[in-house]
Structure formats: C-alpha cells, structure tokens
Amino acid sequence: MPGPGGNPFPQVLYGLEQFDLNGEYDPATSTFTPRRSGVYSIHASVSFDSNATVAVNVGIVIRANNDPILTDSETFPFGDGVIDAGGIVRLQAGDRVQVFFTISGTAGGNIEASLETRFDGARIG
C-alpha cells in the first residue's frame, strides 16, 4: 500500500490471515472486532521503504472506533525501517480496531509485504 508523504494516516491493509481462533478478524477490511468485552493484547507493525535519502518521520496509530488507543512516531535517518505500536487495552464487544500509517515529507514510500508487517490481537482477560 502506498504511504505518500503528508497523507493523514491511510489504513494499513493486513490481508493475509495466519489464524483466527474466534472469528474476530476480517482480512477483507483489515478490521479486528472482538466478540466479547475484555482486556486485549494488541500489536501492529509496518515495514516500509521510502524514496527519501534523508530522515523521515513515520507514525502508526491503532484506533478503536476511529479513536486512537495505541500510537508511535519515530524519525528514521535513511527513509526505511519498521515501526510498531502495541499494548494492553480494554475493548468492548463490537469495537472496530484498525491500523493507520503515515510517512511525512515530500518523498512517498511503500508498505512492504513482509513478516515484519503484521497485526496481532488476542483477549487476555
């Protein structure tokens, strides 16, 4: 997925599903929707390649119902790398969890389809 410079956090598409024990992840929309309210461990990462030859600012936001719940922003000196965000959050049944990503600056870039670009979500309590 392209991540052109300056775009306000386009959604990350995680289309490949490894396993889904409770039928809570929809790879067609890259949306995690818990069936039960509770405490969840959520983690997302993005491997990216930018066209920049200078430092770029990168951000990742995990949102529940379009509200940010976990975020990270970093500066990468050569324009490519991996950024991640994760933590333990309380979710309600039916919440829609999605991941968004941006690269700042004038050079665009791409999200790389690799083992480092992934989403994990599981109820832990």
N, C-alpha and C. Protein backbone atom coordinates (compact mmCIF):
# COMPACT_ATOMS: atom_id res chain seq x y z
N MET A 1 0.84 -1.18 0.00
CA MET A 1 0.00 0.00 0.00
C MET A 1 0.88 1.23 0.00
N PRO A 2 0.61 2.18 -0.88
CA PRO A 2 1.39 3.41 -0.86
C PRO A 2 1.16 4.19 0.42
N GLY A 3 2.19 4.85 0.88
CA GLY A 3 2.08 5.74 2.02
C GLY A 3 2.67 7.08 1.65
N PRO A 4 2.01 7.83 0.73
CA PRO A 4 2.60 9.06 0.23
C PRO A 4 2.81 10.09 1.33
N GLY A 5 3.88 10.86 1.18
CA GLY A 5 4.23 11.87 2.17
C GLY A 5 3.11 12.83 2.45
N GLY A 6 2.89 13.10 3.72
CA GLY A 6 1.91 14.09 4.11
C GLY A 6 0.47 13.58 4.18
N ASN A 7 0.17 12.39 3.68
CA ASN A 7 -1.19 11.90 3.76
C ASN A 7 -1.55 11.61 5.22
N PRO A 8 -2.76 11.97 5.64
CA PRO A 8 -3.14 11.79 7.03
C PRO A 8 -3.52 10.34 7.35
N PHE A 9 -2.54 9.55 7.66
CA PHE A 9 -2.72 8.19 8.16
C PHE A 9 -3.68 7.32 7.36
N PRO A 10 -3.27 6.85 6.17
CA PRO A 10 -4.10 5.87 5.47
C PRO A 10 -4.10 4.54 6.22
N GLN A 11 -5.17 3.76 6.04
CA GLN A 11 -5.29 2.48 6.74
C GLN A 11 -4.30 1.47 6.18
N VAL A 12 -3.71 0.68 7.08
CA VAL A 12 -2.82 -0.42 6.69
C VAL A 12 -3.70 -1.63 6.39
N LEU A 13 -3.42 -2.30 5.28
CA LEU A 13 -4.18 -3.48 4.89
C LEU A 13 -3.36 -4.73 5.21
N TYR A 14 -3.85 -5.51 6.14
CA TYR A 14 -3.24 -6.79 6.52
C TYR A 14 -4.14 -7.89 5.95
N GLY A 15 -3.93 -8.26 4.70
CA GLY A 15 -4.84 -9.15 4.01
C GLY A 15 -4.61 -10.63 4.25
N LEU A 16 -3.45 -11.01 4.73
CA LEU A 16 -3.13 -12.42 4.93
C LEU A 16 -3.42 -12.80 6.38
N GLU A 17 -4.30 -13.77 6.58
CA GLU A 17 -4.67 -14.20 7.92
C GLU A 17 -3.97 -15.51 8.24
N GLN A 18 -3.18 -15.52 9.32
CA GLN A 18 -2.49 -16.74 9.75
C GLN A 18 -3.46 -17.68 10.45
N PHE A 19 -4.13 -17.16 11.47
CA PHE A 19 -5.17 -17.92 12.17
C PHE A 19 -6.06 -16.94 12.92
N ASP A 20 -7.28 -17.37 13.18
CA ASP A 20 -8.27 -16.53 13.85
C ASP A 20 -9.16 -17.46 14.67
N LEU A 21 -8.80 -17.66 15.91
CA LEU A 21 -9.47 -18.65 16.74
C LEU A 21 -10.93 -18.34 17.03
N ASN A 22 -11.28 -17.06 17.09
CA ASN A 22 -12.65 -16.67 17.45
C ASN A 22 -13.41 -15.98 16.34
N GLY A 23 -12.87 -15.97 15.12
CA GLY A 23 -13.55 -15.31 14.02
C GLY A 23 -13.71 -13.82 14.23
N GLU A 24 -12.67 -13.17 14.78
CA GLU A 24 -12.75 -11.74 15.12
C GLU A 24 -12.02 -10.84 14.13
N TYR A 25 -11.27 -11.42 13.19
CA TYR A 25 -10.51 -10.60 12.25
C TYR A 25 -11.07 -10.76 10.84
N ASP A 26 -11.27 -9.65 10.14
CA ASP A 26 -11.76 -9.66 8.77
C ASP A 26 -10.64 -9.19 7.85
N PRO A 27 -9.98 -10.10 7.11
CA PRO A 27 -8.88 -9.69 6.24
C PRO A 27 -9.34 -8.82 5.06
N ALA A 28 -10.60 -8.89 4.69
CA ALA A 28 -11.11 -8.07 3.59
C ALA A 28 -11.12 -6.59 3.95
N THR A 29 -11.32 -6.27 5.26
CA THR A 29 -11.35 -4.88 5.70
C THR A 29 -10.21 -4.55 6.66
N SER A 30 -9.37 -5.55 6.96
CA SER A 30 -8.28 -5.38 7.93
C SER A 30 -8.80 -4.81 9.25
N THR A 31 -9.88 -5.40 9.72
CA THR A 31 -10.54 -4.93 10.94
C THR A 31 -10.67 -6.07 11.95
N PHE A 32 -10.23 -5.80 13.19
CA PHE A 32 -10.38 -6.73 14.31
C PHE A 32 -11.60 -6.27 15.10
N THR A 33 -12.57 -7.18 15.29
CA THR A 33 -13.79 -6.85 16.03
C THR A 33 -13.99 -7.90 17.11
N PRO A 34 -13.67 -7.56 18.37
CA PRO A 34 -13.83 -8.54 19.45
C PRO A 34 -15.29 -8.94 19.64
N ARG A 35 -15.50 -10.23 19.87
CA ARG A 35 -16.85 -10.74 20.13
C ARG A 35 -17.24 -10.55 21.58
N ARG A 36 -16.25 -10.49 22.48
CA ARG A 36 -16.51 -10.33 23.90
C ARG A 36 -15.79 -9.11 24.45
N SER A 37 -16.39 -8.43 25.38
CA SER A 37 -15.72 -7.33 26.07
C SER A 37 -14.64 -7.92 26.95
N GLY A 38 -13.53 -7.17 27.11
CA GLY A 38 -12.46 -7.65 27.97
C GLY A 38 -11.17 -6.90 27.73
N VAL A 39 -10.10 -7.47 28.27
CA VAL A 39 -8.77 -6.89 28.14
C VAL A 39 -8.06 -7.64 27.01
N TYR A 40 -7.49 -6.88 26.09
CA TYR A 40 -6.86 -7.45 24.90
C TYR A 40 -5.41 -6.99 24.76
N SER A 41 -4.59 -7.87 24.25
CA SER A 41 -3.24 -7.52 23.83
C SER A 41 -3.31 -7.24 22.33
N ILE A 42 -2.90 -6.03 21.96
CA ILE A 42 -2.96 -5.60 20.56
C ILE A 42 -1.56 -5.16 20.14
N HIS A 43 -1.13 -5.60 18.96
CA HIS A 43 0.18 -5.21 18.43
C HIS A 43 0.09 -5.09 16.91
N ALA A 44 0.69 -4.03 16.37
CA ALA A 44 0.74 -3.84 14.93
C ALA A 44 2.13 -3.32 14.56
N SER A 45 2.63 -3.77 13.42
CA SER A 45 3.90 -3.26 12.92
C SER A 45 3.82 -3.08 11.42
N VAL A 46 4.66 -2.19 10.92
CA VAL A 46 4.73 -1.89 9.49
C VAL A 46 6.19 -1.78 9.08
N SER A 47 6.57 -2.56 8.08
CA SER A 47 7.88 -2.41 7.44
C SER A 47 7.66 -1.53 6.23
N PHE A 48 8.48 -0.50 6.08
CA PHE A 48 8.27 0.45 4.99
C PHE A 48 9.57 0.76 4.27
N ASP A 49 9.42 1.20 3.04
CA ASP A 49 10.54 1.63 2.20
C ASP A 49 10.15 2.97 1.61
N SER A 50 10.91 3.99 1.95
CA SER A 50 10.64 5.33 1.47
C SER A 50 11.58 5.67 0.32
N ASN A 51 11.16 6.59 -0.50
CA ASN A 51 12.01 7.08 -1.59
C ASN A 51 13.00 8.14 -1.11
N ALA A 52 12.97 8.45 0.17
CA ALA A 52 13.78 9.53 0.72
C ALA A 52 15.23 9.11 0.93
N THR A 53 16.13 10.05 0.74
CA THR A 53 17.54 9.84 1.05
C THR A 53 17.94 10.62 2.29
N VAL A 54 16.94 11.21 2.92
CA VAL A 54 17.15 11.95 4.17
C VAL A 54 16.19 11.39 5.22
N ALA A 55 16.30 11.87 6.43
CA ALA A 55 15.45 11.39 7.52
C ALA A 55 13.97 11.64 7.22
N VAL A 56 13.13 10.69 7.64
CA VAL A 56 11.68 10.84 7.51
C VAL A 56 11.02 10.57 8.85
N ASN A 57 9.90 11.24 9.07
CA ASN A 57 9.09 11.00 10.26
C ASN A 57 7.98 10.02 9.89
N VAL A 58 7.80 9.02 10.73
CA VAL A 58 6.86 7.95 10.46
C VAL A 58 5.94 7.81 11.66
N GLY A 59 4.67 7.51 11.41
CA GLY A 59 3.73 7.32 12.50
C GLY A 59 2.83 6.13 12.27
N ILE A 60 2.44 5.47 13.35
CA ILE A 60 1.49 4.37 13.32
C ILE A 60 0.47 4.63 14.42
N VAL A 61 -0.81 4.41 14.10
CA VAL A 61 -1.89 4.62 15.07
C VAL A 61 -2.82 3.42 15.01
N ILE A 62 -3.08 2.81 16.15
CA ILE A 62 -4.09 1.78 16.26
C ILE A 62 -5.33 2.46 16.84
N ARG A 63 -6.45 2.33 16.12
CA ARG A 63 -7.68 3.00 16.53
C ARG A 63 -8.77 1.99 16.84
N ALA A 64 -9.58 2.31 17.83
CA ALA A 64 -10.80 1.56 18.12
C ALA A 64 -11.97 2.51 17.88
N ASN A 65 -12.83 2.15 16.95
CA ASN A 65 -13.97 3.01 16.59
C ASN A 65 -13.49 4.40 16.18
N ASN A 66 -12.37 4.45 15.49
CA ASN A 66 -11.74 5.66 14.97
C ASN A 66 -11.09 6.53 16.04
N ASP A 67 -11.03 6.07 17.28
CA ASP A 67 -10.34 6.80 18.35
C ASP A 67 -8.96 6.17 18.58
N PRO A 68 -7.88 6.96 18.62
CA PRO A 68 -6.55 6.39 18.86
C PRO A 68 -6.48 5.70 20.23
N ILE A 69 -5.95 4.46 20.24
CA ILE A 69 -5.76 3.76 21.51
C ILE A 69 -4.29 3.42 21.75
N LEU A 70 -3.50 3.25 20.68
CA LEU A 70 -2.07 2.98 20.79
C LEU A 70 -1.37 3.68 19.63
N THR A 71 -0.25 4.37 19.90
CA THR A 71 0.44 5.11 18.85
C THR A 71 1.95 5.04 19.02
N ASP A 72 2.64 5.35 17.95
CA ASP A 72 4.10 5.55 17.99
C ASP A 72 4.46 6.45 16.82
N SER A 73 5.47 7.28 17.03
CA SER A 73 6.04 8.08 15.95
C SER A 73 7.55 8.09 16.14
N GLU A 74 8.26 7.96 15.02
CA GLU A 74 9.71 7.88 15.07
C GLU A 74 10.29 8.60 13.85
N THR A 75 11.57 8.96 13.98
CA THR A 75 12.33 9.51 12.86
C THR A 75 13.35 8.47 12.43
N PHE A 76 13.34 8.14 11.14
CA PHE A 76 14.27 7.17 10.59
C PHE A 76 15.27 7.91 9.71
N PRO A 77 16.58 7.71 9.93
CA PRO A 77 17.60 8.51 9.25
C PRO A 77 17.71 8.25 7.75
N PHE A 78 17.34 7.08 7.26
CA PHE A 78 17.54 6.79 5.84
C PHE A 78 16.27 6.46 5.10
N GLY A 79 15.12 6.65 5.71
CA GLY A 79 13.87 6.51 4.99
C GLY A 79 13.24 5.14 4.95
N ASP A 80 13.87 4.09 5.51
CA ASP A 80 13.18 2.82 5.60
C ASP A 80 13.43 2.18 6.95
N GLY A 81 12.50 1.28 7.32
CA GLY A 81 12.62 0.61 8.60
C GLY A 81 11.33 -0.06 9.00
N VAL A 82 11.19 -0.29 10.30
CA VAL A 82 9.98 -0.92 10.85
C VAL A 82 9.53 -0.08 12.04
N ILE A 83 8.25 0.20 12.09
CA ILE A 83 7.66 0.90 13.23
C ILE A 83 6.56 0.02 13.79
N ASP A 84 6.39 0.06 15.12
CA ASP A 84 5.35 -0.74 15.72
C ASP A 84 4.72 -0.02 16.89
N ALA A 85 3.54 -0.48 17.24
CA ALA A 85 2.83 0.03 18.42
C ALA A 85 2.08 -1.15 19.01
N GLY A 86 1.97 -1.18 20.32
CA GLY A 86 1.24 -2.26 20.95
C GLY A 86 1.04 -2.01 22.41
N GLY A 87 0.15 -2.79 22.99
CA GLY A 87 -0.10 -2.66 24.41
C GLY A 87 -1.32 -3.47 24.81
N ILE A 88 -1.72 -3.26 26.05
CA ILE A 88 -2.88 -3.94 26.61
C ILE A 88 -3.98 -2.91 26.78
N VAL A 89 -5.14 -3.21 26.20
CA VAL A 89 -6.25 -2.25 26.20
C VAL A 89 -7.56 -2.95 26.54
N ARG A 90 -8.49 -2.18 27.05
CA ARG A 90 -9.84 -2.71 27.31
C ARG A 90 -10.68 -2.40 26.07
N LEU A 91 -11.32 -3.44 25.52
CA LEU A 91 -12.19 -3.29 24.37
C LEU A 91 -13.57 -3.82 24.70
N GLN A 92 -14.56 -3.26 24.04
CA GLN A 92 -15.94 -3.72 24.18
C GLN A 92 -16.28 -4.62 22.99
N ALA A 93 -17.18 -5.55 23.20
CA ALA A 93 -17.65 -6.39 22.10
C ALA A 93 -18.17 -5.49 20.98
N GLY A 94 -17.74 -5.76 19.76
CA GLY A 94 -18.19 -4.97 18.62
C GLY A 94 -17.32 -3.78 18.27
N ASP A 95 -16.33 -3.44 19.11
CA ASP A 95 -15.40 -2.36 18.75
C ASP A 95 -14.70 -2.72 17.45
N ARG A 96 -14.42 -1.72 16.62
CA ARG A 96 -13.72 -1.93 15.34
C ARG A 96 -12.29 -1.41 15.48
N VAL A 97 -11.31 -2.32 15.47
CA VAL A 97 -9.90 -1.96 15.64
C VAL A 97 -9.21 -2.01 14.28
N GLN A 98 -8.57 -0.88 13.90
CA GLN A 98 -7.88 -0.77 12.63
C GLN A 98 -6.56 -0.04 12.84
N VAL A 99 -5.63 -0.20 11.87
CA VAL A 99 -4.29 0.37 11.97
C VAL A 99 -4.09 1.37 10.83
N PHE A 100 -3.43 2.50 11.16
CA PHE A 100 -3.16 3.55 10.19
C PHE A 100 -1.69 3.94 10.25
N PHE A 101 -1.15 4.43 9.13
CA PHE A 101 0.29 4.66 8.98
C PHE A 101 0.54 5.89 8.11
N THR A 102 1.60 6.63 8.40
CA THR A 102 1.97 7.75 7.54
C THR A 102 3.48 7.95 7.50
N ILE A 103 3.95 8.50 6.39
CA ILE A 103 5.34 8.95 6.22
C ILE A 103 5.27 10.43 5.90
N SER A 104 6.01 11.25 6.65
CA SER A 104 6.00 12.68 6.38
C SER A 104 7.05 13.05 5.35
N GLY A 105 6.96 14.27 4.89
CA GLY A 105 7.94 14.76 3.93
C GLY A 105 7.41 14.70 2.51
N THR A 106 8.26 15.03 1.57
CA THR A 106 7.82 15.09 0.18
C THR A 106 8.00 13.77 -0.56
N ALA A 107 8.85 12.88 -0.06
CA ALA A 107 9.06 11.59 -0.72
C ALA A 107 8.01 10.60 -0.25
N GLY A 108 7.42 9.88 -1.17
CA GLY A 108 6.46 8.85 -0.82
C GLY A 108 7.18 7.58 -0.40
N GLY A 109 6.43 6.53 -0.30
CA GLY A 109 7.01 5.26 0.08
C GLY A 109 5.99 4.16 -0.03
N ASN A 110 6.41 2.97 0.37
CA ASN A 110 5.53 1.81 0.29
C ASN A 110 5.62 0.99 1.56
N ILE A 111 4.49 0.39 1.91
CA ILE A 111 4.49 -0.60 2.98
C ILE A 111 4.93 -1.91 2.34
N GLU A 112 5.91 -2.54 2.97
CA GLU A 112 6.43 -3.79 2.42
C GLU A 112 5.65 -4.98 2.97
N ALA A 113 5.28 -5.87 2.07
CA ALA A 113 4.63 -7.11 2.48
C ALA A 113 5.73 -8.05 2.96
N SER A 114 5.90 -8.13 4.27
CA SER A 114 6.95 -8.96 4.85
C SER A 114 6.47 -9.49 6.20
N LEU A 115 7.27 -10.35 6.81
CA LEU A 115 6.92 -10.87 8.13
C LEU A 115 6.87 -9.77 9.18
N GLU A 116 7.51 -8.64 8.90
CA GLU A 116 7.54 -7.54 9.87
C GLU A 116 6.30 -6.65 9.78
N THR A 117 5.49 -6.82 8.74
CA THR A 117 4.24 -6.08 8.62
C THR A 117 3.13 -7.02 9.07
N ARG A 118 2.65 -6.78 10.31
CA ARG A 118 1.67 -7.72 10.86
C ARG A 118 0.80 -7.06 11.93
N PHE A 119 -0.31 -7.74 12.22
CA PHE A 119 -1.23 -7.34 13.27
C PHE A 119 -1.54 -8.55 14.13
N ASP A 120 -1.56 -8.36 15.45
CA ASP A 120 -1.92 -9.42 16.40
C ASP A 120 -2.93 -8.85 17.39
N GLY A 121 -3.97 -9.62 17.66
CA GLY A 121 -4.94 -9.23 18.68
C GLY A 121 -5.48 -10.46 19.38
N ALA A 122 -5.50 -10.44 20.71
CA ALA A 122 -5.98 -11.58 21.47
C ALA A 122 -6.53 -11.13 22.82
N ARG A 123 -7.63 -11.73 23.24
CA ARG A 123 -8.20 -11.43 24.57
C ARG A 123 -7.36 -12.14 25.62
N ILE A 124 -6.97 -11.39 26.66
CA ILE A 124 -6.14 -11.95 27.72
C ILE A 124 -6.83 -11.90 29.08
N GLY A 125 -7.99 -11.28 29.12
CA GLY A 125 -8.69 -11.21 30.40
C GLY A 125 -10.05 -10.62 30.30
